Amino acid sequence: LCDLAVRRRDPALLASARAAGDWLVRTADPDTGAFPCLWPLEASRFADKHDLIYTFDTGVIVNGLVHLHRATGEDRYLTAARRAADWLLHDMRRADGGFAPVYDRRTGTRPTSDAEWS
């Protein structure tokens, strides 16, 4: 949305990007600054993932928040992006330089399972 808003000079697209960014900032995990996998509105087969934070998803959101900061100049987006990126670098990076794929907020662990990769 940020890219389209800038290219087309469309304030409605930028307003939508801001609304999405504001929601992300509001729903970031208070302990990590990262972004939970799901916000289920009702029970589903994915309900068990409610407390999971995926490294890949958080990285994508960090990128989007940085773009939103560039498009708006609003520091709150950059602040949220930095907090999540710091968590990724300091808490999710493994000794070998790779990253753990998932964090369980409920248990505070980084479970490993081939089932967590698409």
C-alpha atoms as a PDB file:
ATOM      1  CA  LEU A   1       0.000   0.000   0.000  1.00  0.00           C
ATOM      2  CA  CYS A   2       2.826   2.418   0.774  1.00  0.00           C
ATOM      3  CA  ASP A   3       4.472   1.822  -2.577  1.00  0.00           C
ATOM      4  CA  LEU A   4       1.199   2.241  -4.449  1.00  0.00           C
ATOM      5  CA  ALA A   5       0.285   5.341  -2.438  1.00  0.00           C
ATOM      6  CA  VAL A   6       3.592   6.992  -3.314  1.00  0.00           C
ATOM      7  CA  ARG A   7       3.522   5.953  -6.982  1.00  0.00           C
ATOM      8  CA  ARG A   8      -0.063   7.031  -7.513  1.00  0.00           C
ATOM      9  CA  ARG A   9      -0.012   9.925  -5.050  1.00  0.00           C
ATOM     10  CA  ASP A  10      -3.216   8.514  -3.628  1.00  0.00           C
ATOM     11  CA  PRO A  11      -4.009   9.653  -0.076  1.00  0.00           C
ATOM     12  CA  ALA A  12      -6.681   6.949   0.318  1.00  0.00           C
ATOM     13  CA  LEU A  13      -4.065   4.225  -0.178  1.00  0.00           C
ATOM     14  CA  LEU A  14      -1.773   5.891   2.342  1.00  0.00           C
ATOM     15  CA  ALA A  15      -4.675   6.140   4.801  1.00  0.00           C
ATOM     16  CA  SER A  16      -5.252   2.390   4.398  1.00  0.00           C
ATOM     17  CA  ALA A  17      -1.547   1.728   4.953  1.00  0.00           C
ATOM     18  CA  ARG A  18      -1.643   3.849   8.100  1.00  0.00           C
ATOM     19  CA  ALA A  19      -4.710   1.997   9.390  1.00  0.00           C
ATOM     20  CA  ALA A  20      -2.913  -1.334   8.854  1.00  0.00           C
ATOM     21  CA  GLY A  21       0.262  -0.011  10.482  1.00  0.00           C
ATOM     22  CA  ASP A  22      -1.663   1.348  13.451  1.00  0.00           C
ATOM     23  CA  TRP A  23      -3.336  -2.028  13.963  1.00  0.00           C
ATOM     24  CA  LEU A  24       0.040  -3.781  13.820  1.00  0.00           C
ATOM     25  CA  VAL A  25       1.538  -1.365  16.345  1.00  0.00           C
ATOM     26  CA  ARG A  26      -1.446  -1.890  18.680  1.00  0.00           C
ATOM     27  CA  THR A  27      -1.350  -5.681  18.436  1.00  0.00           C
ATOM     28  CA  ALA A  28       2.399  -6.214  18.765  1.00  0.00           C
ATOM     29  CA  ASP A  29       3.305  -8.582  21.561  1.00  0.00           C
ATOM     30  CA  PRO A  30       3.986  -6.423  24.636  1.00  0.00           C
ATOM     31  CA  ASP A  31       6.936  -8.541  25.772  1.00  0.00           C
ATOM     32  CA  THR A  32       8.806  -8.958  22.479  1.00  0.00           C
ATOM     33  CA  GLY A  33       7.503  -6.250  20.165  1.00  0.00           C
ATOM     34  CA  ALA A  34       7.010  -8.970  17.553  1.00  0.00           C
ATOM     35  CA  PHE A  35       3.777  -9.948  15.853  1.00  0.00           C
ATOM     36  CA  PRO A  36       1.615 -12.951  16.813  1.00  0.00           C
ATOM     37  CA  CYS A  37       0.667 -15.408  14.106  1.00  0.00           C
ATOM     38  CA  LEU A  38      -3.093 -15.097  14.457  1.00  0.00           C
ATOM     39  CA  TRP A  39      -5.829 -12.999  15.978  1.00  0.00           C
ATOM     40  CA  PRO A  40      -8.681 -15.505  15.715  1.00  0.00           C
ATOM     41  CA  LEU A  41     -12.173 -14.105  15.885  1.00  0.00           C
ATOM     42  CA  GLU A  42     -13.643 -17.554  16.447  1.00  0.00           C
ATOM     43  CA  ALA A  43     -12.478 -21.094  17.084  1.00  0.00           C
ATOM     44  CA  SER A  44     -10.768 -22.718  14.134  1.00  0.00           C
ATOM     45  CA  ARG A  45      -8.324 -25.473  13.331  1.00  0.00           C
ATOM     46  CA  PHE A  46      -5.542 -22.885  13.716  1.00  0.00           C
ATOM     47  CA  ALA A  47      -6.480 -21.818  17.260  1.00  0.00           C
ATOM     48  CA  ASP A  48      -3.390 -23.558  18.663  1.00  0.00           C
ATOM     49  CA  LYS A  49      -1.209 -21.041  16.793  1.00  0.00           C
ATOM     50  CA  HIS A  50      -2.603 -18.047  18.671  1.00  0.00           C
ATOM     51  CA  ASP A  51       0.452 -17.831  20.927  1.00  0.00           C
ATOM     52  CA  LEU A  52       3.027 -18.398  18.189  1.00  0.00           C
ATOM     53  CA  ILE A  53       5.222 -15.695  16.692  1.00  0.00           C
ATOM     54  CA  TYR A  54       6.902 -16.593  13.408  1.00  0.00           C
ATOM     55  CA  THR A  55      10.293 -15.119  12.574  1.00  0.00           C
ATOM     56  CA  PHE A  56       9.497 -14.801   8.863  1.00  0.00           C
ATOM     57  CA  ASP A  57       6.182 -13.028   9.454  1.00  0.00           C
ATOM     58  CA  THR A  58       7.749 -10.587  11.880  1.00  0.00           C
ATOM     59  CA  GLY A  59      10.524  -9.829   9.371  1.00  0.00           C
ATOM     60  CA  VAL A  60       7.974  -9.067   6.654  1.00  0.00           C
ATOM     61  CA  ILE A  61       6.063  -6.777   9.017  1.00  0.00           C
ATOM     62  CA  VAL A  62       9.283  -4.986  10.033  1.00  0.00           C
ATOM     63  CA  ASN A  63       9.904  -4.248   6.355  1.00  0.00           C
ATOM     64  CA  GLY A  64       6.353  -2.928   5.918  1.00  0.00           C
ATOM     65  CA  LEU A  65       6.601  -0.682   8.974  1.00  0.00           C
ATOM     66  CA  VAL A  66       9.906   0.770   7.742  1.00  0.00           C
ATOM     67  CA  HIS A  67       8.259   1.543   4.391  1.00  0.00           C
ATOM     68  CA  LEU A  68       5.342   3.140   6.207  1.00  0.00           C
ATOM     69  CA  HIS A  69       7.751   5.294   8.219  1.00  0.00           C
ATOM     70  CA  ARG A  70       9.429   6.413   4.991  1.00  0.00           C
ATOM     71  CA  ALA A  71       6.088   7.237   3.402  1.00  0.00           C
ATOM     72  CA  THR A  72       4.688   9.147   6.398  1.00  0.00           C
ATOM     73  CA  GLY A  73       7.691  10.307   8.400  1.00  0.00           C
ATOM     74  CA  GLU A  74       5.902   9.054  11.525  1.00  0.00           C
ATOM     75  CA  ASP A  75       8.367   7.734  14.091  1.00  0.00           C
ATOM     76  CA  ARG A  76       5.919   5.339  15.755  1.00  0.00           C
ATOM     77  CA  TYR A  77       6.228   2.959  12.797  1.00  0.00           C
ATOM     78  CA  LEU A  78      10.017   3.030  12.872  1.00  0.00           C
ATOM     79  CA  THR A  79      10.025   2.562  16.646  1.00  0.00           C
ATOM     80  CA  ALA A  80       7.821  -0.543  16.346  1.00  0.00           C
ATOM     81  CA  ALA A  81       9.948  -1.893  13.483  1.00  0.00           C
ATOM     82  CA  ARG A  82      13.170  -1.427  15.448  1.00  0.00           C
ATOM     83  CA  ARG A  83      11.778  -3.098  18.546  1.00  0.00           C
ATOM     84  CA  ALA A  84      10.667  -6.166  16.574  1.00  0.00           C
ATOM     85  CA  ALA A  85      13.938  -6.284  14.598  1.00  0.00           C
ATOM     86  CA  ASP A  86      15.971  -6.074  17.806  1.00  0.00           C
ATOM     87  CA  TRP A  87      13.984  -8.997  19.196  1.00  0.00           C
ATOM     88  CA  LEU A  88      14.680 -11.005  16.045  1.00  0.00           C
ATOM     89  CA  LEU A  89      18.411 -10.292  16.201  1.00  0.00           C
ATOM     90  CA  HIS A  90      18.882 -10.747  19.931  1.00  0.00           C
ATOM     91  CA  ASP A  91      16.378 -13.454  20.827  1.00  0.00           C
ATOM     92  CA  MET A  92      15.658 -15.470  17.703  1.00  0.00           C
ATOM     93  CA  ARG A  93      19.109 -15.710  16.126  1.00  0.00           C
ATOM     94  CA  ARG A  94      20.835 -19.007  16.783  1.00  0.00           C
ATOM     95  CA  ALA A  95      24.543 -19.486  17.503  1.00  0.00           C
ATOM     96  CA  ASP A  96      25.080 -20.697  13.927  1.00  0.00           C
ATOM     97  CA  GLY A  97      23.742 -17.396  12.524  1.00  0.00           C
ATOM     98  CA  GLY A  98      20.396 -18.822  11.446  1.00  0.00           C
ATOM     99  CA  PHE A  99      17.101 -17.972  13.061  1.00  0.00           C
ATOM    100  CA  ALA A 100      14.672 -20.064  15.044  1.00  0.00           C
ATOM    101  CA  PRO A 101      11.483 -20.216  12.964  1.00  0.00           C
ATOM    102  CA  VAL A 102       8.942 -19.795  15.738  1.00  0.00           C
ATOM    103  CA  TYR A 103       8.538 -18.560  19.302  1.00  0.00           C
ATOM    104  CA  ASP A 104       5.804 -19.722  21.674  1.00  0.00           C
ATOM    105  CA  ARG A 105       4.664 -16.775  23.821  1.00  0.00           C
ATOM    106  CA  ARG A 106       2.884 -19.058  26.254  1.00  0.00           C
ATOM    107  CA  THR A 107       5.911 -21.176  27.127  1.00  0.00           C
ATOM    108  CA  GLY A 108       8.733 -18.778  26.230  1.00  0.00           C
ATOM    109  CA  THR A 109      10.335 -21.467  24.074  1.00  0.00           C
ATOM    110  CA  ARG A 110      11.443 -21.825  20.470  1.00  0.00           C
ATOM    111  CA  PRO A 111       9.926 -25.155  19.493  1.00  0.00           C
ATOM    112  CA  THR A 112      11.518 -26.991  16.599  1.00  0.00           C
ATOM    113  CA  SER A 113       9.444 -28.990  14.208  1.00  0.00           C
ATOM    114  CA  ASP A 114       9.581 -29.606  10.483  1.00  0.00           C
ATOM    115  CA  ALA A 115       5.801 -29.137  10.540  1.00  0.00           C
ATOM    116  CA  GLU A 116       6.302 -25.404  11.197  1.00  0.00           C
ATOM    117  CA  TRP A 117       7.784 -24.833   7.741  1.00  0.00           C
ATOM    118  CA  SER A 118       5.686 -24.600   4.605  1.00  0.00           C
END
